[in-house]
C-alpha cells in the first residue's frame, strides 16, 4: 500500500477517486460496469457495489437501463465550491472581463495541476468566430499558451522525457522542441500557442507571479483569421492580489 506524507493510503478512498476521475475524463462517453472494472482492475461485484453507493450520494449517475454510468451532479457542486472559495479566482475574474471587453477575444485563467492545466475561468468572445472552452477543462501543459507559460517558470530538467501527445500537427511532441519554445517564452516574457492545441487558434499566455514558481496563468485565444496583438494585464492582476492572497494557503 502506498504512503502519502507518511500516512498509509486508504484503498477504498483511492478507488473511489479513481472511479470519479475515470468517469470525468470520459466526458460525454458513459462507461459500462465491465469497462470500469477492467480498467481499474477491480472485481465486477466490488465495482458494482461502489457505483451503487456513489449513485445514491449523487456522485455518479446511471441511465434508465442501469447499464451505463457517468459523472454525477455532486461533482459539479464540489467543483463550483472550489472556484467560489478560491480568493485568487475571485480577484482575477474582473480583469478577465476587462480584457475580454477590450480585446473582443476569449480570455482564460488556468492552474497547473501535475502535467496538465485546469481551466478555472473563461470569458468567451462576443464575436461570431470564437473559441469554445469551458471551466473544468483540462489540457496537457505542453499543448497551449497557458501551460507553456507555466512550464517556462520551471527548469527544463523537470520536463517529462516524451514523446508527448499531439493535439494538432503543430503540437510539440519532443522534449527538445518544447524546451526550445520555452526558451523563447522566457526571453520575450509570454508564451505563444501557434495552433498547437486547436487548429485555427493562436493563443498568448503569461503567468501570474503571486506564487513562485507560478501556478496560475492567463491566456488570450484568437482565431487566426482575426489575429490581433495581445494586451498586457498582468500588472493589474498581480497588484490586486498580495503574495499570500490574504487567505488559507492550500497545498
C-alpha atoms as a PDB file:
ATOM      1  CA  UNK A   1       0.000   0.000   0.000  1.00  0.00           C
ATOM      2  CA  UNK A   2       1.377   3.418  -0.944  1.00  0.00           C
ATOM      3  CA  UNK A   3       2.005   6.203   1.517  1.00  0.00           C
ATOM      4  CA  UNK A   4       1.355   9.935   1.299  1.00  0.00           C
ATOM      5  CA  UNK A   5       3.163  12.172   3.744  1.00  0.00           C
ATOM      6  CA  UNK A   6       3.955   9.154   5.899  1.00  0.00           C
ATOM      7  CA  UNK A   7       0.274   8.124   6.118  1.00  0.00           C
ATOM      8  CA  UNK A   8      -0.892   4.877   4.555  1.00  0.00           C
ATOM      9  CA  UNK A   9      -3.275   5.345   1.632  1.00  0.00           C
ATOM     10  CA  UNK A  10      -6.855   4.243   2.270  1.00  0.00           C
ATOM     11  CA  UNK A  11      -7.551   1.787  -0.532  1.00  0.00           C
ATOM     12  CA  UNK A  12     -11.314   2.291  -0.654  1.00  0.00           C
ATOM     13  CA  UNK A  13     -10.944   6.077  -0.808  1.00  0.00           C
ATOM     14  CA  UNK A  14      -8.311   5.824  -3.547  1.00  0.00           C
ATOM     15  CA  UNK A  15     -10.551   3.536  -5.575  1.00  0.00           C
ATOM     16  CA  UNK A  16     -13.471   5.934  -5.233  1.00  0.00           C
ATOM     17  CA  UNK A  17     -11.357   8.805  -6.520  1.00  0.00           C
ATOM     18  CA  UNK A  18     -10.088   6.664  -9.406  1.00  0.00           C
ATOM     19  CA  UNK A  19     -13.656   5.861 -10.479  1.00  0.00           C
ATOM     20  CA  UNK A  20     -14.709   9.524 -10.375  1.00  0.00           C
ATOM     21  CA  UNK A  21     -11.631  10.686 -12.284  1.00  0.00           C
ATOM     22  CA  UNK A  22     -12.120   7.990 -14.896  1.00  0.00           C
ATOM     23  CA  UNK A  23     -15.772   8.898 -15.441  1.00  0.00           C
ATOM     24  CA  UNK A  24     -14.951  12.614 -15.553  1.00  0.00           C
ATOM     25  CA  UNK A  25     -12.237  12.027 -18.169  1.00  0.00           C
ATOM     26  CA  UNK A  26     -14.718  10.238 -20.445  1.00  0.00           C
ATOM     27  CA  UNK A  27     -16.789  13.455 -20.689  1.00  0.00           C
ATOM     28  CA  UNK A  28     -19.856  12.526 -22.788  1.00  0.00           C
ATOM     29  CA  UNK A  29     -18.975   8.841 -23.155  1.00  0.00           C
ATOM     30  CA  UNK A  30     -20.665   6.883 -20.360  1.00  0.00           C
ATOM     31  CA  UNK A  31     -18.989   3.683 -19.238  1.00  0.00           C
ATOM     32  CA  UNK A  32     -20.270   0.178 -18.652  1.00  0.00           C
ATOM     33  CA  UNK A  33     -19.680  -1.737 -15.461  1.00  0.00           C
ATOM     34  CA  UNK A  34     -17.261  -4.196 -17.047  1.00  0.00           C
ATOM     35  CA  UNK A  35     -15.242  -1.379 -18.631  1.00  0.00           C
ATOM     36  CA  UNK A  36     -14.725   0.274 -15.271  1.00  0.00           C
ATOM     37  CA  UNK A  37     -13.884  -2.996 -13.543  1.00  0.00           C
ATOM     38  CA  UNK A  38     -11.368  -3.969 -16.221  1.00  0.00           C
ATOM     39  CA  UNK A  39      -9.731  -0.537 -16.456  1.00  0.00           C
ATOM     40  CA  UNK A  40      -9.180  -0.251 -12.705  1.00  0.00           C
ATOM     41  CA  UNK A  41      -8.508  -3.938 -12.104  1.00  0.00           C
ATOM     42  CA  UNK A  42     -11.383  -4.286  -9.643  1.00  0.00           C
ATOM     43  CA  UNK A  43     -13.713  -7.293  -9.267  1.00  0.00           C
ATOM     44  CA  UNK A  44     -17.024  -6.691 -11.015  1.00  0.00           C
ATOM     45  CA  UNK A  45     -19.013  -7.216  -7.812  1.00  0.00           C
ATOM     46  CA  UNK A  46     -16.897  -4.696  -5.883  1.00  0.00           C
ATOM     47  CA  UNK A  47     -17.179  -2.146  -8.660  1.00  0.00           C
ATOM     48  CA  UNK A  48     -20.958  -2.564  -8.791  1.00  0.00           C
ATOM     49  CA  UNK A  49     -21.288  -2.008  -5.031  1.00  0.00           C
ATOM     50  CA  UNK A  50     -19.093   1.091  -5.205  1.00  0.00           C
ATOM     51  CA  UNK A  51     -21.071   2.529  -8.113  1.00  0.00           C
ATOM     52  CA  UNK A  52     -24.370   1.998  -6.332  1.00  0.00           C
ATOM     53  CA  UNK A  53     -23.046   3.841  -3.286  1.00  0.00           C
ATOM     54  CA  UNK A  54     -21.868   6.742  -5.446  1.00  0.00           C
ATOM     55  CA  UNK A  55     -25.198   6.849  -7.285  1.00  0.00           C
ATOM     56  CA  UNK A  56     -27.103   7.072  -4.011  1.00  0.00           C
ATOM     57  CA  UNK A  57     -24.908  10.048  -2.998  1.00  0.00           C
ATOM     58  CA  UNK A  58     -25.216  11.847  -6.335  1.00  0.00           C
ATOM     59  CA  UNK A  59     -21.578  11.464  -7.405  1.00  0.00           C
ATOM     60  CA  UNK A  60     -22.379   9.038 -10.226  1.00  0.00           C
ATOM     61  CA  UNK A  61     -25.470   8.778 -12.407  1.00  0.00           C
ATOM     62  CA  UNK A  62     -26.829   5.912 -14.472  1.00  0.00           C
ATOM     63  CA  UNK A  63     -29.189   5.618 -17.423  1.00  0.00           C
ATOM     64  CA  UNK A  64     -32.716   4.182 -17.328  1.00  0.00           C
ATOM     65  CA  UNK A  65     -31.399   0.688 -18.044  1.00  0.00           C
ATOM     66  CA  UNK A  66     -28.877   0.840 -15.205  1.00  0.00           C
ATOM     67  CA  UNK A  67     -26.100  -0.308 -17.535  1.00  0.00           C
ATOM     68  CA  UNK A  68     -24.316   2.984 -18.315  1.00  0.00           C
ATOM     69  CA  UNK A  69     -22.518   5.197 -15.794  1.00  0.00           C
ATOM     70  CA  UNK A  70     -21.409   8.823 -15.886  1.00  0.00           C
ATOM     71  CA  UNK A  71     -20.258  11.553 -13.526  1.00  0.00           C
ATOM     72  CA  UNK A  72     -22.989  12.897 -11.222  1.00  0.00           C
ATOM     73  CA  UNK A  73     -24.178  16.364 -10.337  1.00  0.00           C
ATOM     74  CA  UNK A  74     -22.400  16.434  -6.965  1.00  0.00           C
ATOM     75  CA  UNK A  75     -19.100  16.585  -8.833  1.00  0.00           C
ATOM     76  CA  UNK A  76     -20.285  19.872 -10.335  1.00  0.00           C
ATOM     77  CA  UNK A  77     -21.368  21.209  -6.947  1.00  0.00           C
ATOM     78  CA  UNK A  78     -17.979  20.393  -5.449  1.00  0.00           C
ATOM     79  CA  UNK A  79     -16.114  21.950  -8.374  1.00  0.00           C
ATOM     80  CA  UNK A  80     -18.186  25.123  -8.109  1.00  0.00           C
ATOM     81  CA  UNK A  81     -17.432  25.316  -4.404  1.00  0.00           C
ATOM     82  CA  UNK A  82     -13.706  25.122  -5.176  1.00  0.00           C
ATOM     83  CA  UNK A  83     -13.957  28.077  -7.558  1.00  0.00           C
ATOM     84  CA  UNK A  84     -16.149  30.127  -5.229  1.00  0.00           C
ATOM     85  CA  UNK A  85     -13.787  29.618  -2.287  1.00  0.00           C
ATOM     86  CA  UNK A  86     -10.577  30.461  -4.164  1.00  0.00           C
ATOM     87  CA  UNK A  87      -9.596  34.111  -3.469  1.00  0.00           C
ATOM     88  CA  UNK A  88      -7.339  34.297  -6.491  1.00  0.00           C
ATOM     89  CA  UNK A  89     -10.013  33.200  -8.932  1.00  0.00           C
ATOM     90  CA  UNK A  90     -12.387  35.787  -7.449  1.00  0.00           C
ATOM     91  CA  UNK A  91      -9.750  38.526  -7.719  1.00  0.00           C
ATOM     92  CA  UNK A  92      -8.835  37.721 -11.318  1.00  0.00           C
ATOM     93  CA  UNK A  93     -12.383  37.484 -12.727  1.00  0.00           C
ATOM     94  CA  UNK A  94     -12.950  41.267 -13.096  1.00  0.00           C
ATOM     95  CA  UNK A  95      -9.747  41.564 -15.118  1.00  0.00           C
ATOM     96  CA  UNK A  96     -10.818  38.729 -17.377  1.00  0.00           C
ATOM     97  CA  UNK A  97     -13.986  40.717 -18.088  1.00  0.00           C
ATOM     98  CA  UNK A  98     -11.923  43.852 -18.739  1.00  0.00           C
ATOM     99  CA  UNK A  99      -9.530  42.086 -21.077  1.00  0.00           C
ATOM    100  CA  UNK A 100     -12.321  40.321 -22.956  1.00  0.00           C
ATOM    101  CA  UNK A 101     -14.230  43.575 -23.441  1.00  0.00           C
ATOM    102  CA  UNK A 102     -11.101  45.439 -24.558  1.00  0.00           C
ATOM    103  CA  UNK A 103      -9.855  42.790 -26.969  1.00  0.00           C
ATOM    104  CA  UNK A 104     -13.120  41.225 -28.044  1.00  0.00           C
ATOM    105  CA  UNK A 105     -11.447  37.837 -27.698  1.00  0.00           C
ATOM    106  CA  UNK A 106     -11.692  34.813 -25.409  1.00  0.00           C
ATOM    107  CA  UNK A 107      -9.706  35.040 -22.157  1.00  0.00           C
ATOM    108  CA  UNK A 108      -8.831  32.090 -19.914  1.00  0.00           C
ATOM    109  CA  UNK A 109      -7.389  31.597 -16.447  1.00  0.00           C
ATOM    110  CA  UNK A 110      -5.754  28.242 -15.754  1.00  0.00           C
ATOM    111  CA  UNK A 111      -3.831  26.492 -12.992  1.00  0.00           C
ATOM    112  CA  UNK A 112      -1.071  23.918 -13.279  1.00  0.00           C
ATOM    113  CA  UNK A 113      -2.114  20.521 -11.921  1.00  0.00           C
ATOM    114  CA  UNK A 114       0.612  17.961 -12.346  1.00  0.00           C
ATOM    115  CA  UNK A 115       1.309  17.721 -16.079  1.00  0.00           C
ATOM    116  CA  UNK A 116      -1.998  19.331 -17.015  1.00  0.00           C
ATOM    117  CA  UNK A 117      -3.573  22.766 -16.876  1.00  0.00           C
ATOM    118  CA  UNK A 118      -7.096  23.071 -15.454  1.00  0.00           C
ATOM    119  CA  UNK A 119      -9.273  25.924 -16.731  1.00  0.00           C
ATOM    120  CA  UNK A 120     -10.671  27.878 -13.770  1.00  0.00           C
ATOM    121  CA  UNK A 121     -12.360  30.800 -15.524  1.00  0.00           C
ATOM    122  CA  UNK A 122     -13.223  31.732 -19.098  1.00  0.00           C
ATOM    123  CA  UNK A 123     -14.700  34.786 -20.761  1.00  0.00           C
ATOM    124  CA  UNK A 124     -15.906  33.976 -24.261  1.00  0.00           C
ATOM    125  CA  UNK A 125     -15.544  36.365 -27.182  1.00  0.00           C
ATOM    126  CA  UNK A 126     -18.683  38.140 -28.388  1.00  0.00           C
ATOM    127  CA  UNK A 127     -17.570  37.651 -31.969  1.00  0.00           C
ATOM    128  CA  UNK A 128     -19.300  35.052 -34.118  1.00  0.00           C
ATOM    129  CA  UNK A 129     -16.000  33.323 -34.859  1.00  0.00           C
ATOM    130  CA  UNK A 130     -14.744  32.353 -31.420  1.00  0.00           C
ATOM    131  CA  UNK A 131     -13.051  29.591 -29.480  1.00  0.00           C
ATOM    132  CA  UNK A 132     -15.119  27.203 -27.372  1.00  0.00           C
ATOM    133  CA  UNK A 133     -13.789  26.311 -23.917  1.00  0.00           C
ATOM    134  CA  UNK A 134     -15.261  25.660 -20.534  1.00  0.00           C
ATOM    135  CA  UNK A 135     -14.358  25.809 -16.881  1.00  0.00           C
ATOM    136  CA  UNK A 136     -13.126  22.438 -15.661  1.00  0.00           C
ATOM    137  CA  UNK A 137     -11.499  21.515 -18.955  1.00  0.00           C
ATOM    138  CA  UNK A 138      -8.017  20.015 -18.713  1.00  0.00           C
ATOM    139  CA  UNK A 139      -5.250  20.079 -21.285  1.00  0.00           C
ATOM    140  CA  UNK A 140      -1.700  18.714 -21.177  1.00  0.00           C
ATOM    141  CA  UNK A 141       0.593  21.597 -20.217  1.00  0.00           C
ATOM    142  CA  UNK A 142       2.742  21.253 -23.347  1.00  0.00           C
ATOM    143  CA  UNK A 143      -0.214  21.884 -25.656  1.00  0.00           C
ATOM    144  CA  UNK A 144      -1.306  25.510 -25.179  1.00  0.00           C
ATOM    145  CA  UNK A 145      -0.320  29.020 -24.178  1.00  0.00           C
ATOM    146  CA  UNK A 146      -1.395  28.629 -20.532  1.00  0.00           C
ATOM    147  CA  UNK A 147       0.670  25.511 -19.984  1.00  0.00           C
ATOM    148  CA  UNK A 148       3.752  26.738 -21.810  1.00  0.00           C
ATOM    149  CA  UNK A 149       3.772  29.981 -19.832  1.00  0.00           C
ATOM    150  CA  UNK A 150       3.746  27.949 -16.615  1.00  0.00           C
ATOM    151  CA  UNK A 151       6.294  25.383 -17.781  1.00  0.00           C
ATOM    152  CA  UNK A 152       8.681  28.206 -18.692  1.00  0.00           C
ATOM    153  CA  UNK A 153       8.748  29.178 -14.996  1.00  0.00           C
ATOM    154  CA  UNK A 154      10.367  25.830 -14.236  1.00  0.00           C
ATOM    155  CA  UNK A 155      13.721  24.289 -15.180  1.00  0.00           C
ATOM    156  CA  UNK A 156      13.760  22.176 -18.323  1.00  0.00           C
ATOM    157  CA  UNK A 157      15.033  19.152 -16.410  1.00  0.00           C
ATOM    158  CA  UNK A 158      11.546  18.854 -14.889  1.00  0.00           C
ATOM    159  CA  UNK A 159      10.031  18.224 -18.313  1.00  0.00           C
ATOM    160  CA  UNK A 160       8.957  14.616 -18.957  1.00  0.00           C
ATOM    161  CA  UNK A 161      11.045  12.714 -21.468  1.00  0.00           C
ATOM    162  CA  UNK A 162       8.336  12.344 -24.102  1.00  0.00           C
ATOM    163  CA  UNK A 163       7.235  11.717 -26.738  1.00  0.00           C
ATOM    164  CA  UNK A 164       4.254  13.944 -25.949  1.00  0.00           C
ATOM    165  CA  UNK A 165       0.685  13.529 -27.112  1.00  0.00           C
ATOM    166  CA  UNK A 166      -0.173  15.612 -30.193  1.00  0.00           C
ATOM    167  CA  UNK A 167      -3.421  17.605 -30.234  1.00  0.00           C
ATOM    168  CA  UNK A 168      -2.709  19.020 -33.722  1.00  0.00           C
ATOM    169  CA  UNK A 169       0.081  18.606 -36.294  1.00  0.00           C
ATOM    170  CA  UNK A 170       1.728  21.692 -34.735  1.00  0.00           C
ATOM    171  CA  UNK A 171       1.902  20.350 -31.163  1.00  0.00           C
ATOM    172  CA  UNK A 172       5.378  19.889 -29.672  1.00  0.00           C
ATOM    173  CA  UNK A 173       5.858  16.140 -29.310  1.00  0.00           C
ATOM    174  CA  UNK A 174       9.540  16.056 -28.312  1.00  0.00           C
ATOM    175  CA  UNK A 175      11.267  17.327 -25.210  1.00  0.00           C
ATOM    176  CA  UNK A 176      13.879  19.145 -27.298  1.00  0.00           C
ATOM    177  CA  UNK A 177      11.302  21.020 -29.367  1.00  0.00           C
ATOM    178  CA  UNK A 178       9.306  22.067 -26.313  1.00  0.00           C
ATOM    179  CA  UNK A 179      12.432  23.176 -24.434  1.00  0.00           C
ATOM    180  CA  UNK A 180      13.459  25.388 -27.370  1.00  0.00           C
ATOM    181  CA  UNK A 181       9.997  27.001 -27.364  1.00  0.00           C
ATOM    182  CA  UNK A 182      10.138  27.574 -23.587  1.00  0.00           C
ATOM    183  CA  UNK A 183      13.478  29.362 -24.004  1.00  0.00           C
ATOM    184  CA  UNK A 184      11.681  31.810 -26.290  1.00  0.00           C
ATOM    185  CA  UNK A 185       8.915  32.241 -23.707  1.00  0.00           C
ATOM    186  CA  UNK A 186      11.463  33.231 -21.061  1.00  0.00           C
ATOM    187  CA  UNK A 187      13.160  35.672 -23.419  1.00  0.00           C
ATOM    188  CA  UNK A 188      10.021  37.519 -24.572  1.00  0.00           C
ATOM    189  CA  UNK A 189       8.055  37.223 -21.306  1.00  0.00           C
ATOM    190  CA  UNK A 190       4.961  35.461 -22.665  1.00  0.00           C
ATOM    191  CA  UNK A 191       4.060  32.270 -24.493  1.00  0.00           C
ATOM    192  CA  UNK A 192       2.573  31.827 -27.947  1.00  0.00           C
ATOM    193  CA  UNK A 193       0.434  28.854 -28.970  1.00  0.00           C
ATOM    194  CA  UNK A 194       0.585  28.659 -32.763  1.00  0.00           C
ATOM    195  CA  UNK A 195      -2.375  26.346 -33.471  1.00  0.00           C
ATOM    196  CA  UNK A 196      -0.784  23.737 -31.219  1.00  0.00           C
ATOM    197  CA  UNK A 197      -3.940  22.994 -29.225  1.00  0.00           C
ATOM    198  CA  UNK A 198      -6.733  23.828 -31.667  1.00  0.00           C
ATOM    199  CA  UNK A 199      -6.389  24.268 -35.446  1.00  0.00           C
ATOM    200  CA  UNK A 200      -7.036  27.849 -36.482  1.00  0.00           C
ATOM    201  CA  UNK A 201      -6.492  29.278 -32.986  1.00  0.00           C
ATOM    202  CA  UNK A 202      -3.462  31.229 -31.752  1.00  0.00           C
ATOM    203  CA  UNK A 203      -3.024  31.872 -28.034  1.00  0.00           C
ATOM    204  CA  UNK A 204      -0.905  34.246 -25.961  1.00  0.00           C
ATOM    205  CA  UNK A 205      -0.213  33.389 -22.318  1.00  0.00           C
ATOM    206  CA  UNK A 206       1.521  34.851 -19.280  1.00  0.00           C
ATOM    207  CA  UNK A 207       1.892  33.784 -15.692  1.00  0.00           C
ATOM    208  CA  UNK A 208       0.532  35.479 -12.569  1.00  0.00           C
ATOM    209  CA  UNK A 209       3.539  35.597 -10.284  1.00  0.00           C
ATOM    210  CA  UNK A 210       1.942  35.718  -6.872  1.00  0.00           C
ATOM    211  CA  UNK A 211       3.408  32.220  -6.393  1.00  0.00           C
ATOM    212  CA  UNK A 212       6.956  31.153  -7.064  1.00  0.00           C
ATOM    213  CA  UNK A 213       7.098  29.240  -9.280  1.00  0.00           C
ATOM    214  CA  UNK A 214       3.812  30.489 -10.729  1.00  0.00           C
ATOM    215  CA  UNK A 215       0.819  28.170 -10.530  1.00  0.00           C
ATOM    216  CA  UNK A 216      -1.714  30.330 -12.419  1.00  0.00           C
ATOM    217  CA  UNK A 217      -1.688  31.881 -15.872  1.00  0.00           C
ATOM    218  CA  UNK A 218      -3.930  33.885 -18.189  1.00  0.00           C
ATOM    219  CA  UNK A 219      -4.231  33.479 -21.941  1.00  0.00           C
ATOM    220  CA  UNK A 220      -5.982  35.144 -24.849  1.00  0.00           C
ATOM    221  CA  UNK A 221      -7.223  32.861 -27.649  1.00  0.00           C
ATOM    222  CA  UNK A 222      -7.641  34.398 -31.098  1.00  0.00           C
ATOM    223  CA  UNK A 223      -8.816  32.834 -34.376  1.00  0.00           C
ATOM    224  CA  UNK A 224      -6.039  33.116 -36.954  1.00  0.00           C
ATOM    225  CA  UNK A 225      -8.439  34.958 -39.245  1.00  0.00           C
ATOM    226  CA  UNK A 226      -8.821  37.714 -36.637  1.00  0.00           C
ATOM    227  CA  UNK A 227      -5.372  37.851 -35.078  1.00  0.00           C
ATOM    228  CA  UNK A 228      -4.679  40.993 -33.050  1.00  0.00           C
ATOM    229  CA  UNK A 229      -1.874  41.923 -30.610  1.00  0.00           C
ATOM    230  CA  UNK A 230      -2.199  40.739 -27.020  1.00  0.00           C
ATOM    231  CA  UNK A 231      -2.783  43.235 -24.238  1.00  0.00           C
ATOM    232  CA  UNK A 232      -0.754  43.245 -21.005  1.00  0.00           C
ATOM    233  CA  UNK A 233      -2.943  42.911 -17.892  1.00  0.00           C
ATOM    234  CA  UNK A 234      -0.556  41.031 -15.584  1.00  0.00           C
ATOM    235  CA  UNK A 235       0.426  44.150 -13.612  1.00  0.00           C
ATOM    236  CA  UNK A 236      -3.163  44.994 -12.671  1.00  0.00           C
ATOM    237  CA  UNK A 237      -3.957  41.457 -11.603  1.00  0.00           C
ATOM    238  CA  UNK A 238      -0.829  40.988  -9.523  1.00  0.00           C
ATOM    239  CA  UNK A 239      -1.294  44.378  -7.843  1.00  0.00           C
ATOM    240  CA  UNK A 240      -4.757  43.303  -6.720  1.00  0.00           C
ATOM    241  CA  UNK A 241      -3.556  40.050  -5.175  1.00  0.00           C
ATOM    242  CA  UNK A 242      -0.967  40.084  -2.364  1.00  0.00           C
ATOM    243  CA  UNK A 243       1.592  37.303  -2.406  1.00  0.00           C
ATOM    244  CA  UNK A 244      -0.257  35.481   0.345  1.00  0.00           C
ATOM    245  CA  UNK A 245      -3.674  36.077  -1.127  1.00  0.00           C
ATOM    246  CA  UNK A 246      -4.970  37.041   2.320  1.00  0.00           C
ATOM    247  CA  UNK A 247      -6.394  33.565   2.746  1.00  0.00           C
ATOM    248  CA  UNK A 248      -5.576  29.982   3.656  1.00  0.00           C
ATOM    249  CA  UNK A 249      -2.502  28.730   1.822  1.00  0.00           C
ATOM    250  CA  UNK A 250      -3.700  25.456   0.319  1.00  0.00           C
ATOM    251  CA  UNK A 251      -1.161  22.839  -0.669  1.00  0.00           C
END
